C-alpha atoms as a PDB file:
ATOM      1  CA  MET A   1     110.751 152.474 100.096  1.00  0.00           C
ATOM      2  CA  ARG A   2     110.038 149.248  98.097  1.00  0.00           C
ATOM      3  CA  SER A   3     106.116 148.400  97.107  1.00  0.00           C
ATOM      4  CA  HIS A   4     104.680 145.204  97.860  1.00  0.00           C
ATOM      5  CA  SER A   5     104.667 144.402  94.072  1.00  0.00           C
ATOM      6  CA  ASP A   6     108.526 144.484  94.054  1.00  0.00           C
ATOM      7  CA  PRO A   7     110.281 141.139  93.344  1.00  0.00           C
ATOM      8  CA  VAL A   8     112.314 140.837  96.743  1.00  0.00           C
ATOM      9  CA  GLU A   9     109.746 141.570  98.808  1.00  0.00           C
ATOM     10  CA  ARG A  10     107.474 138.940  97.461  1.00  0.00           C
ATOM     11  CA  LEU A  11     110.879 136.569  97.851  1.00  0.00           C
ATOM     12  CA  THR A  12     110.910 137.243 101.501  1.00  0.00           C
ATOM     13  CA  GLU A  13     107.448 138.224 102.670  1.00  0.00           C
ATOM     14  CA  ALA A  14     107.294 134.375 103.546  1.00  0.00           C
ATOM     15  CA  ALA A  15     110.529 134.306 105.656  1.00  0.00           C
ATOM     16  CA  ARG A  16     110.553 133.473 109.495  1.00  0.00           C
ATOM     17  CA  PHE A  17     113.261 133.452 112.408  1.00  0.00           C
ATOM     18  CA  HIS A  18     112.605 130.921 115.555  1.00  0.00           C
ATOM     19  CA  ASP A  19     114.922 131.060 118.834  1.00  0.00           C
ATOM     20  CA  TYR A  20     116.151 127.889 118.689  1.00  0.00           C
ATOM     21  CA  ARG A  21     115.297 127.212 122.382  1.00  0.00           C
ATOM     22  CA  ARG A  22     112.078 127.493 121.338  1.00  0.00           C
ATOM     23  CA  ALA A  23     111.459 125.852 118.166  1.00  0.00           C
ATOM     24  CA  SER A  24     114.201 123.097 118.294  1.00  0.00           C
ATOM     25  CA  ASN A  25     111.367 120.621 119.728  1.00  0.00           C
ATOM     26  CA  PRO A  26     107.787 121.443 118.956  1.00  0.00           C
ATOM     27  CA  LEU A  27     106.501 118.068 120.116  1.00  0.00           C
ATOM     28  CA  ALA A  28     107.825 118.769 123.355  1.00  0.00           C
ATOM     29  CA  ASP A  29     107.216 122.536 123.771  1.00  0.00           C
ATOM     30  CA  GLY A  30     103.372 122.051 122.637  1.00  0.00           C
ATOM     31  CA  GLY A  31     103.289 123.751 118.970  1.00  0.00           C
ATOM     32  CA  MET A  32     103.025 119.801 117.589  1.00  0.00           C
ATOM     33  CA  PRO A  33     100.062 117.696 118.597  1.00  0.00           C
ATOM     34  CA  SER A  34     101.621 114.297 119.481  1.00  0.00           C
ATOM     35  CA  ILE A  35     100.307 111.208 117.697  1.00  0.00           C
ATOM     36  CA  PRO A  36      97.274 110.109 119.801  1.00  0.00           C
ATOM     37  CA  GLY A  37      96.514 106.292 120.951  1.00  0.00           C
ATOM     38  CA  VAL A  38      92.937 105.467 119.895  1.00  0.00           C
ATOM     39  CA  ARG A  39      91.185 102.480 119.359  1.00  0.00           C
ATOM     40  CA  PHE A  40      88.931 101.417 116.251  1.00  0.00           C
ATOM     41  CA  GLY A  41      85.934  98.775 116.903  1.00  0.00           C
ATOM     42  CA  ALA A  42      85.510  96.269 114.998  1.00  0.00           C
ATOM     43  CA  GLU A  43      82.063  96.675 114.971  1.00  0.00           C
ATOM     44  CA  LEU A  44      83.290  99.550 111.955  1.00  0.00           C
ATOM     45  CA  HIS A  45      83.389  96.655 109.596  1.00  0.00           C
ATOM     46  CA  GLU A  46      81.029  94.219 111.066  1.00  0.00           C
ATOM     47  CA  GLN A  47      77.380  96.362 109.975  1.00  0.00           C
ATOM     48  CA  GLY A  48      75.963  98.362 107.826  1.00  0.00           C
ATOM     49  CA  PRO A  49      76.931  98.869 103.339  1.00  0.00           C
ATOM     50  CA  THR A  50      79.643  97.792 101.441  1.00  0.00           C
ATOM     51  CA  ARG A  51      82.145 100.926 101.857  1.00  0.00           C
ATOM     52  CA  ILE A  52      85.631 102.203 102.945  1.00  0.00           C
ATOM     53  CA  VAL A  53      85.948 103.231 106.662  1.00  0.00           C
ATOM     54  CA  PRO A  54      88.825 105.132 106.814  1.00  0.00           C
ATOM     55  CA  LEU A  55      90.572 105.162 110.457  1.00  0.00           C
ATOM     56  CA  ASP A  56      91.369 108.940 110.607  1.00  0.00           C
ATOM     57  CA  THR A  57      92.724 111.057 113.346  1.00  0.00           C
ATOM     58  CA  SER A  58      93.649 113.789 111.094  1.00  0.00           C
ATOM     59  CA  ALA A  59      91.355 116.172 113.290  1.00  0.00           C
ATOM     60  CA  ILE A  60      93.833 115.848 115.820  1.00  0.00           C
ATOM     61  CA  LEU A  61      96.873 115.649 114.439  1.00  0.00           C
ATOM     62  CA  GLY A  62      96.461 118.902 112.725  1.00  0.00           C
ATOM     63  CA  CYS A  63      97.230 117.530 109.395  1.00  0.00           C
ATOM     64  CA  PRO A  64      95.385 117.185 105.834  1.00  0.00           C
ATOM     65  CA  GLY A  65      93.171 114.346 106.220  1.00  0.00           C
ATOM     66  CA  PRO A  66      92.229 111.420 105.703  1.00  0.00           C
ATOM     67  CA  ALA A  67      95.132 109.988 108.199  1.00  0.00           C
ATOM     68  CA  THR A  68      95.813 107.601 110.835  1.00  0.00           C
ATOM     69  CA  SER A  69      99.148 108.673 111.626  1.00  0.00           C
ATOM     70  CA  PRO A  70     101.455 111.343 110.027  1.00  0.00           C
ATOM     71  CA  GLY A  71     102.785 109.222 107.351  1.00  0.00           C
ATOM     72  CA  LEU A  72     100.029 106.518 107.081  1.00  0.00           C
ATOM     73  CA  CYS A  73      96.550 105.893 106.781  1.00  0.00           C
ATOM     74  CA  ALA A  74      94.453 102.423 107.330  1.00  0.00           C
ATOM     75  CA  HIS A  75      90.977 101.992 106.813  1.00  0.00           C
ATOM     76  CA  PHE A  76      88.697  99.099 107.004  1.00  0.00           C
ATOM     77  CA  LEU A  77      86.567  97.721 103.859  1.00  0.00           C
ATOM     78  CA  ARG A  78      83.137  96.287 104.268  1.00  0.00           C
ATOM     79  CA  ILE A  79      82.364  94.487 101.408  1.00  0.00           C
ATOM     80  CA  HIS A  80      79.227  92.197 100.894  1.00  0.00           C
ATOM     81  CA  SER A  81      78.438  89.173  98.712  1.00  0.00           C
ATOM     82  CA  GLY A  82      78.554  90.329  94.921  1.00  0.00           C
ATOM     83  CA  ASP A  83      79.453  94.061  95.738  1.00  0.00           C
ATOM     84  CA  ALA A  84      82.653  95.620  95.060  1.00  0.00           C
ATOM     85  CA  VAL A  85      84.768  98.662  96.120  1.00  0.00           C
ATOM     86  CA  VAL A  86      87.896 100.779  94.468  1.00  0.00           C
ATOM     87  CA  THR A  87      90.743 102.170  95.566  1.00  0.00           C
ATOM     88  CA  ASP A  88      93.213 104.019  94.793  1.00  0.00           C
ATOM     89  CA  ALA A  89      95.397 106.201  97.146  1.00  0.00           C
ATOM     90  CA  ASN A  90      98.511 108.440  95.892  1.00  0.00           C
ATOM     91  CA  ALA A  91     100.938 106.351  97.909  1.00  0.00           C
ATOM     92  CA  THR A  92     103.944 104.396  97.314  1.00  0.00           C
ATOM     93  CA  SER A  93     102.824 101.406  98.961  1.00  0.00           C
ATOM     94  CA  GLN A  94      99.212  99.653  99.545  1.00  0.00           C
ATOM     95  CA  LEU A  95      98.785  96.946 102.366  1.00  0.00           C
ATOM     96  CA  PHE A  96      95.576  95.135 102.184  1.00  0.00           C
ATOM     97  CA  PHE A  97      94.876  91.860 104.995  1.00  0.00           C
ATOM     98  CA  VAL A  98      91.522  90.096 104.681  1.00  0.00           C
ATOM     99  CA  MET A  99      90.094  89.542 108.105  1.00  0.00           C
ATOM    100  CA  ARG A 100      87.277  87.580 106.708  1.00  0.00           C
ATOM    101  CA  GLY A 101      85.734  86.448 103.515  1.00  0.00           C
ATOM    102  CA  SER A 102      87.161  85.662 100.624  1.00  0.00           C
ATOM    103  CA  GLY A 103      87.256  87.673  97.147  1.00  0.00           C
ATOM    104  CA  THR A 104      89.446  88.882  94.218  1.00  0.00           C
ATOM    105  CA  SER A 105      91.314  91.915  93.346  1.00  0.00           C
ATOM    106  CA  ARG A 106      91.466  93.502  89.880  1.00  0.00           C
ATOM    107  CA  LEU A 107      94.468  95.722  89.192  1.00  0.00           C
ATOM    108  CA  ALA A 108      93.379  98.514  86.544  1.00  0.00           C
ATOM    109  CA  VAL A 109      95.590  99.192  83.629  1.00  0.00           C
ATOM    110  CA  ASP A 110      97.157 102.578  84.154  1.00  0.00           C
ATOM    111  CA  GLY A 111      96.869 103.524  80.488  1.00  0.00           C
ATOM    112  CA  ALA A 112     100.559 103.881  80.472  1.00  0.00           C
ATOM    113  CA  ILE A 113     102.667 100.875  81.324  1.00  0.00           C
ATOM    114  CA  ASP A 114     100.729  97.706  81.808  1.00  0.00           C
ATOM    115  CA  MET A 115     100.737  96.264  85.026  1.00  0.00           C
ATOM    116  CA  PRO A 116     102.476  92.814  84.942  1.00  0.00           C
ATOM    117  CA  PRO A 117     100.404  89.299  84.766  1.00  0.00           C
ATOM    118  CA  GLY A 118      98.289  88.105  87.023  1.00  0.00           C
ATOM    119  CA  THR A 119      96.240  91.698  87.507  1.00  0.00           C
ATOM    120  CA  GLU A 120      93.738  89.426  89.545  1.00  0.00           C
ATOM    121  CA  ILE A 121      94.389  88.719  93.136  1.00  0.00           C
ATOM    122  CA  PRO A 122      92.451  85.887  94.789  1.00  0.00           C
ATOM    123  CA  TRP A 123      91.946  86.425  98.344  1.00  0.00           C
ATOM    124  CA  GLN A 124      90.712  84.682 101.500  1.00  0.00           C
ATOM    125  CA  ALA A 125      90.730  85.168 105.441  1.00  0.00           C
ATOM    126  CA  GLY A 126      94.086  85.428 106.727  1.00  0.00           C
ATOM    127  CA  ASP A 127      96.007  86.684 103.186  1.00  0.00           C
ATOM    128  CA  LEU A 128      97.945  89.324 102.854  1.00  0.00           C
ATOM    129  CA  PHE A 129      98.848  91.494  99.629  1.00  0.00           C
ATOM    130  CA  THR A 130     100.812  94.500  98.530  1.00  0.00           C
ATOM    131  CA  LEU A 131     100.253  96.889  95.952  1.00  0.00           C
ATOM    132  CA  PRO A 132     102.617  99.159  94.501  1.00  0.00           C
ATOM    133  CA  ALA A 133     102.199 103.145  93.400  1.00  0.00           C
ATOM    134  CA  ARG A 134      99.771 103.488  90.429  1.00  0.00           C
ATOM    135  CA  SER A 135      97.528 100.611  91.770  1.00  0.00           C
ATOM    136  CA  ALA A 136      93.851 101.621  91.671  1.00  0.00           C
ATOM    137  CA  ALA A 137      91.956  98.279  92.382  1.00  0.00           C
ATOM    138  CA  THR A 138      88.866  96.783  92.253  1.00  0.00           C
ATOM    139  CA  HIS A 139      88.035  94.499  95.498  1.00  0.00           C
ATOM    140  CA  ALA A 140      85.068  92.258  95.266  1.00  0.00           C
ATOM    141  CA  GLY A 141      83.575  90.013  97.718  1.00  0.00           C
ATOM    142  CA  GLY A 142      82.889  86.163  96.665  1.00  0.00           C
ATOM    143  CA  GLU A 143      81.226  86.186 100.136  1.00  0.00           C
ATOM    144  CA  ASP A 144      80.577  88.643 103.021  1.00  0.00           C
ATOM    145  CA  ALA A 145      84.452  90.236 103.188  1.00  0.00           C
ATOM    146  CA  ALA A 146      86.375  92.620 105.453  1.00  0.00           C
ATOM    147  CA  LEU A 147      89.845  93.893 104.397  1.00  0.00           C
ATOM    148  CA  TYR A 148      92.210  96.006 106.254  1.00  0.00           C
ATOM    149  CA  TRP A 149      93.825  98.351 103.844  1.00  0.00           C
ATOM    150  CA  VAL A 150      97.179 100.593 104.896  1.00  0.00           C
ATOM    151  CA  HIS A 151      99.358 103.290 102.957  1.00  0.00           C
ATOM    152  CA  ASP A 152     101.508 105.840 102.827  1.00  0.00           C
ATOM    153  CA  GLU A 153      99.805 108.610 100.999  1.00  0.00           C
ATOM    154  CA  PRO A 154      99.495 111.340 103.823  1.00  0.00           C
ATOM    155  CA  LEU A 155     103.289 111.235 103.754  1.00  0.00           C
ATOM    156  CA  LEU A 156     103.265 111.755 100.204  1.00  0.00           C
ATOM    157  CA  ARG A 157     100.797 114.809 101.267  1.00  0.00           C
ATOM    158  CA  HIS A 158     103.195 116.446 103.301  1.00  0.00           C
ATOM    159  CA  LEU A 159     106.113 115.784 100.880  1.00  0.00           C
ATOM    160  CA  GLY A 160     103.734 117.605  98.179  1.00  0.00           C
ATOM    161  CA  ALA A 161     104.890 114.206  95.803  1.00  0.00           C
ATOM    162  CA  VAL A 162     103.207 111.864  93.382  1.00  0.00           C
ATOM    163  CA  ALA A 163     104.172 108.502  93.329  1.00  0.00           C
ATOM    164  CA  THR A 164     104.946 107.295  89.870  1.00  0.00           C
ATOM    165  CA  THR A 165     107.575 104.958  89.682  1.00  0.00           C
ATOM    166  CA  ARG A 166     106.494 101.220  91.361  1.00  0.00           C
ATOM    167  CA  ARG A 167     109.437  99.743  93.129  1.00  0.00           C
ATOM    168  CA  PHE A 168     107.648  96.687  93.849  1.00  0.00           C
ATOM    169  CA  GLY A 169     105.102  94.620  91.930  1.00  0.00           C
ATOM    170  CA  PRO A 170     102.199  93.147  93.511  1.00  0.00           C
ATOM    171  CA  THR A 171     102.966  90.319  95.907  1.00  0.00           C
ATOM    172  CA  LEU A 172     100.468  88.010  97.639  1.00  0.00           C
ATOM    173  CA  TYR A 173     101.421  86.010 100.976  1.00  0.00           C
ATOM    174  CA  ARG A 174      99.534  83.645 101.653  1.00  0.00           C
ATOM    175  CA  HIS A 175      97.624  83.021 105.086  1.00  0.00           C
ATOM    176  CA  GLU A 176      99.056  79.144 105.318  1.00  0.00           C
ATOM    177  CA  ALA A 177     102.966  80.251 104.361  1.00  0.00           C
ATOM    178  CA  ILE A 178     102.786  83.248 107.052  1.00  0.00           C
ATOM    179  CA  ARG A 179     101.607  80.554 109.286  1.00  0.00           C
ATOM    180  CA  ALA A 180     104.199  78.349 108.741  1.00  0.00           C
ATOM    181  CA  ALA A 181     106.863  80.976 108.609  1.00  0.00           C
ATOM    182  CA  LEU A 182     105.604  81.606 111.920  1.00  0.00           C
ATOM    183  CA  ASP A 183     105.771  78.129 113.649  1.00  0.00           C
ATOM    184  CA  ALA A 184     108.934  77.772 112.294  1.00  0.00           C
ATOM    185  CA  VAL A 185     109.998  80.759 115.200  1.00  0.00           C
ATOM    186  CA  ILE A 186     108.286  79.041 117.462  1.00  0.00           C
ATOM    187  CA  ARG A 187     109.699  75.787 117.384  1.00  0.00           C
ATOM    188  CA  ASP A 188     113.174  77.635 117.163  1.00  0.00           C
ATOM    189  CA  PRO A 189     114.583  76.873 120.502  1.00  0.00           C
ATOM    190  CA  GLU A 190     116.171  80.035 120.494  1.00  0.00           C
ATOM    191  CA  SER A 191     112.926  81.513 120.380  1.00  0.00           C
ATOM    192  CA  LYS A 192     112.062  80.605 124.408  1.00  0.00           C
ATOM    193  CA  ARG A 193     114.481  83.819 125.057  1.00  0.00           C
ATOM    194  CA  ALA A 194     113.003  85.587 122.491  1.00  0.00           C
ATOM    195  CA  ASN A 195     110.957  89.251 123.194  1.00  0.00           C
ATOM    196  CA  ARG A 196     108.708  88.051 120.518  1.00  0.00           C
ATOM    197  CA  LEU A 197     107.292  85.520 118.949  1.00  0.00           C
ATOM    198  CA  SER A 198     106.581  86.988 115.062  1.00  0.00           C
ATOM    199  CA  VAL A 199     107.669  86.972 111.494  1.00  0.00           C
ATOM    200  CA  LEU A 200     108.368  90.071 109.460  1.00  0.00           C
ATOM    201  CA  LEU A 201     106.763  89.924 106.167  1.00  0.00           C
ATOM    202  CA  GLY A 202     109.334  90.224 103.420  1.00  0.00           C
ATOM    203  CA  ASN A 203     110.467  91.292  99.830  1.00  0.00           C
ATOM    204  CA  HIS A 204     113.274  90.343  97.900  1.00  0.00           C
ATOM    205  CA  LEU A 205     113.347  93.625  96.384  1.00  0.00           C
ATOM    206  CA  PHE A 206     114.695  94.987  99.663  1.00  0.00           C
ATOM    207  CA  PRO A 207     116.959  93.070 101.048  1.00  0.00           C
ATOM    208  CA  GLN A 208     118.921  95.715 103.415  1.00  0.00           C
ATOM    209  CA  SER A 209     115.455  96.383 105.470  1.00  0.00           C
ATOM    210  CA  MET A 210     114.107  93.127 105.029  1.00  0.00           C
ATOM    211  CA  THR A 211     110.276  95.240 105.186  1.00  0.00           C
ATOM    212  CA  VAL A 212     107.399  94.191 103.390  1.00  0.00           C
ATOM    213  CA  THR A 213     107.847  97.529 101.073  1.00  0.00           C
ATOM    214  CA  HIS A 214     110.396  99.836 100.920  1.00  0.00           C
ATOM    215  CA  VAL A 215     108.111 102.423 103.739  1.00  0.00           C
ATOM    216  CA  LEU A 216     105.861  99.836 105.296  1.00  0.00           C
ATOM    217  CA  TRP A 217     106.821  96.832 107.895  1.00  0.00           C
ATOM    218  CA  ALA A 218     104.212  94.248 108.397  1.00  0.00           C
ATOM    219  CA  MET A 219     104.720  91.992 111.602  1.00  0.00           C
ATOM    220  CA  PHE A 220     102.670  88.779 112.157  1.00  0.00           C
ATOM    221  CA  GLY A 221     103.018  87.876 115.643  1.00  0.00           C
ATOM    222  CA  ILE A 222     101.800  85.244 118.700  1.00  0.00           C
ATOM    223  CA  LEU A 223     101.027  86.470 122.270  1.00  0.00           C
ATOM    224  CA  PRO A 224     101.181  82.679 123.713  1.00  0.00           C
ATOM    225  CA  VAL A 225      99.080  81.910 126.750  1.00  0.00           C
ATOM    226  CA  GLY A 226      99.887  83.255 129.781  1.00  0.00           C
ATOM    227  CA  VAL A 227     102.825  85.547 128.661  1.00  0.00           C
ATOM    228  CA  VAL A 228     103.813  88.986 129.442  1.00  0.00           C
ATOM    229  CA  GLN A 229     106.040  90.132 126.274  1.00  0.00           C
ATOM    230  CA  PRO A 230     107.900  92.645 128.386  1.00  0.00           C
ATOM    231  CA  PRO A 231     108.134  96.747 127.175  1.00  0.00           C
ATOM    232  CA  HIS A 232     109.774  97.836 124.232  1.00  0.00           C
ATOM    233  CA  ARG A 233     109.412 101.092 122.411  1.00  0.00           C
ATOM    234  CA  HIS A 234     110.094 102.356 118.935  1.00  0.00           C
ATOM    235  CA  GLN A 235     110.287 105.612 116.418  1.00  0.00           C
ATOM    236  CA  SER A 236     107.915 104.161 114.408  1.00  0.00           C
ATOM    237  CA  VAL A 237     104.014 104.776 114.276  1.00  0.00           C
ATOM    238  CA  ALA A 238     102.516 101.258 114.884  1.00  0.00           C
ATOM    239  CA  VAL A 239      98.477 100.766 113.871  1.00  0.00           C
ATOM    240  CA  ASP A 240      98.171  97.260 115.326  1.00  0.00           C
ATOM    241  CA  LEU A 241      95.314  95.258 113.829  1.00  0.00           C
ATOM    242  CA  VAL A 242      94.076  92.360 116.385  1.00  0.00           C
ATOM    243  CA  VAL A 243      93.640  89.439 114.455  1.00  0.00           C
ATOM    244  CA  ASP A 244      92.290  87.222 116.725  1.00  0.00           C
ATOM    245  CA  ALA A 245      91.963  87.063 120.568  1.00  0.00           C
ATOM    246  CA  LYS A 246      89.805  86.256 123.187  1.00  0.00           C
ATOM    247  CA  PRO A 247      88.953  88.466 126.368  1.00  0.00           C
ATOM    248  CA  GLY A 248      92.186  89.009 128.946  1.00  0.00           C
ATOM    249  CA  CYS A 249      94.170  90.030 126.290  1.00  0.00           C
ATOM    250  CA  TYR A 250      95.362  93.705 126.284  1.00  0.00           C
ATOM    251  CA  THR A 251      98.398  95.966 125.815  1.00  0.00           C
ATOM    252  CA  MET A 252      99.967  98.261 127.907  1.00  0.00           C
ATOM    253  CA  VAL A 253     100.972 101.574 126.563  1.00  0.00           C
ATOM    254  CA  GLY A 254     103.162 104.545 128.639  1.00  0.00           C
ATOM    255  CA  ARG A 255     105.886 106.602 128.629  1.00  0.00           C
ATOM    256  CA  LYS A 256     107.854 105.310 131.760  1.00  0.00           C
ATOM    257  CA  LEU A 257     109.010 102.242 133.478  1.00  0.00           C
ATOM    258  CA  ALA A 258     108.486 101.246 136.799  1.00  0.00           C
ATOM    259  CA  ALA A 259     111.438  99.688 139.081  1.00  0.00           C
ATOM    260  CA  ASP A 260     110.868  96.149 138.237  1.00  0.00           C
ATOM    261  CA  GLY A 261     110.418  97.046 134.302  1.00  0.00           C
ATOM    262  CA  SER A 262     106.799  97.158 133.631  1.00  0.00           C
ATOM    263  CA  ILE A 263     104.991 100.137 132.571  1.00  0.00           C
ATOM    264  CA  ALA A 264     104.276 103.301 135.244  1.00  0.00           C
ATOM    265  CA  ASP A 265     100.654 104.653 135.199  1.00  0.00           C
ATOM    266  CA  GLY A 266      99.734 102.691 131.835  1.00  0.00           C
ATOM    267  CA  GLU A 267      97.080 103.423 129.389  1.00  0.00           C
ATOM    268  CA  ARG A 268      95.556  99.696 129.050  1.00  0.00           C
ATOM    269  CA  PHE A 269      94.070  98.475 125.421  1.00  0.00           C
ATOM    270  CA  ASP A 270      92.249  95.527 125.093  1.00  0.00           C
ATOM    271  CA  TRP A 271      92.169  93.075 121.985  1.00  0.00           C
ATOM    272  CA  GLN A 272      89.154  92.841 120.205  1.00  0.00           C
ATOM    273  CA  PRO A 273      89.088  90.591 117.547  1.00  0.00           C
ATOM    274  CA  HIS A 274      89.665  92.534 114.284  1.00  0.00           C
ATOM    275  CA  SER A 275      89.805  95.868 116.096  1.00  0.00           C
ATOM    276  CA  ALA A 276      92.762  98.391 115.724  1.00  0.00           C
ATOM    277  CA  PHE A 277      94.604 100.694 117.978  1.00  0.00           C
ATOM    278  CA  ILE A 278      97.586 103.644 117.641  1.00  0.00           C
ATOM    279  CA  THR A 279     100.920 102.939 119.067  1.00  0.00           C
ATOM    280  CA  PRO A 280     102.501 106.254 119.589  1.00  0.00           C
ATOM    281  CA  PRO A 281     105.935 106.479 118.548  1.00  0.00           C
ATOM    282  CA  GLY A 282     108.463 106.455 121.135  1.00  0.00           C
ATOM    283  CA  LEU A 283     106.391 104.723 123.843  1.00  0.00           C
ATOM    284  CA  TRP A 284     106.522 101.905 125.647  1.00  0.00           C
ATOM    285  CA  HIS A 285     104.351  98.550 125.342  1.00  0.00           C
ATOM    286  CA  SER A 286     103.886  95.603 126.753  1.00  0.00           C
ATOM    287  CA  HIS A 287     101.463  92.504 125.667  1.00  0.00           C
ATOM    288  CA  HIS A 288      99.850  90.566 128.010  1.00  0.00           C
ATOM    289  CA  ASN A 289      97.647  86.944 127.746  1.00  0.00           C
ATOM    290  CA  GLU A 290      95.434  86.417 130.469  1.00  0.00           C
ATOM    291  CA  SER A 291      92.728  84.760 128.221  1.00  0.00           C
ATOM    292  CA  GLY A 292      93.931  81.136 127.993  1.00  0.00           C
ATOM    293  CA  GLN A 293      93.973  81.233 124.530  1.00  0.00           C
ATOM    294  CA  PRO A 294      96.915  82.391 122.083  1.00  0.00           C
ATOM    295  CA  ALA A 295      96.160  85.310 120.314  1.00  0.00           C
ATOM    296  CA  HIS A 296      97.682  86.913 117.418  1.00  0.00           C
ATOM    297  CA  ILE A 297      98.443  90.730 116.397  1.00  0.00           C
ATOM    298  CA  LEU A 298      99.552  92.116 112.869  1.00  0.00           C
ATOM    299  CA  PRO A 299     101.358  95.512 113.607  1.00  0.00           C
ATOM    300  CA  ILE A 300     101.995  97.765 110.099  1.00  0.00           C
ATOM    301  CA  GLN A 301     104.548 100.431 110.791  1.00  0.00           C
ATOM    302  CA  ASP A 302     106.011 103.150 108.390  1.00  0.00           C
ATOM    303  CA  ALA A 303     109.222 101.001 109.983  1.00  0.00           C
ATOM    304  CA  GLY A 304     110.472 100.693 106.417  1.00  0.00           C
ATOM    305  CA  LEU A 305     111.293 104.095 105.687  1.00  0.00           C
ATOM    306  CA  HIS A 306     112.342 104.700 109.510  1.00  0.00           C
ATOM    307  CA  THR A 307     114.728 101.232 109.072  1.00  0.00           C
ATOM    308  CA  TYR A 308     116.454 102.717 105.806  1.00  0.00           C
ATOM    309  CA  LEU A 309     117.106 106.533 107.768  1.00  0.00           C
ATOM    310  CA  ARG A 310     118.709 104.394 110.320  1.00  0.00           C
ATOM    311  CA  THR A 311     116.313 106.154 112.918  1.00  0.00           C
ATOM    312  CA  LEU A 312     114.157 103.359 113.972  1.00  0.00           C
ATOM    313  CA  SER A 313     115.514 102.686 117.402  1.00  0.00           C
ATOM    314  CA  ILE A 314     113.944  99.623 118.850  1.00  0.00           C
ATOM    315  CA  LEU A 315     114.557  99.375 122.909  1.00  0.00           C
ATOM    316  CA  PHE A 316     113.992  96.494 124.612  1.00  0.00           C
ATOM    317  CA  SER A 317     113.085  96.472 128.845  1.00  0.00           C
ATOM    318  CA  ARG A 318     114.658  93.066 130.293  1.00  0.00           C
ATOM    319  CA  ARG A 319     114.521  91.603 134.074  1.00  0.00           C
ATOM    320  CA  SER A 320     117.907  91.947 135.154  1.00  0.00           C
ATOM    321  CA  ALA A 321     119.893  91.463 138.765  1.00  0.00           C
ATOM    322  CA  THR A 322     119.693  95.246 139.356  1.00  0.00           C
ATOM    323  CA  GLY A 323     116.323  95.024 138.309  1.00  0.00           C
ATOM    324  CA  HIS A 324     115.667  95.973 134.795  1.00  0.00           C
ATOM    325  CA  GLU A 325     117.743  97.021 131.771  1.00  0.00           C
ATOM    326  CA  VAL A 326     117.148  98.653 128.757  1.00  0.00           C
ATOM    327  CA  VAL A 327     118.839  96.779 125.565  1.00  0.00           C
ATOM    328  CA  GLU A 328     118.743  97.842 121.738  1.00  0.00           C
ATOM    329  CA  ASP A 329     118.821  94.495 119.303  1.00  0.00           C
ATOM    330  CA  ALA A 330     116.388  92.544 117.845  1.00  0.00           C
ATOM    331  CA  GLY A 331     114.359  91.019 120.874  1.00  0.00           C
END
């Protein structure tokens, strides 16, 4: 009889064997929590002291937190004029969108490798910037400001990994440049047949995925007046930030499509400026604008990673002579 101190026993004590029929899909069988469709209101950053507010659903997900999805963590940063906050995450990619105000972000020197020139990033409302691994930063508000911050630390936490290699440099996307790129899409005659009117932010270092970083995807889109953008779905998690909207803009989310191609028994997510909500992977969602004014939305997803793994699988519902059809293309 072997003792507990036997080396072989120590090596085998963690081993388990599961019946494939009961273990191959723990999400469907209820052994793994599904990703919730949670809303985070703008009041989280519109009042109170200078602070960082994690949009945390880790208790629902059953994973270490903070985490907004299994692979991403989103936050609201509130910065009073003259104040500053420090952000630092074990992440390959960090993304910041300026919801209001203006200020600067100064990157710390990590001691081993100096950051490249231009380590202080000036920003104002509507700007977006990305930071690579090992990018602690101090964000100072020149006036009352609020930023939306998303990174992939939950993914690295799950992998037991530390981000040490910078795959890209700090990159700034000016508000004017983003809007100009979107306007070019809107003016394109072929856009009249498009499912979405949006621009994907990219980085020249990632020509294959055409995403803002090698893990993150950022899409700046417009929801025109009176438009219903038909349902679509994808395997990445979207943490959607409402940039601007009037009452009457909303998203419908559901598991099934009705005979006419709309979402059956869906849940409604009303848009509130500078609020966020989670669109779970694999669920159909459609966007509706009954407000009389155009609206804009910024979904941040882990779709850069999914695109690299060839698992994104974007599906669109389109009307056809027989009712509706589901197609896989660029919309």
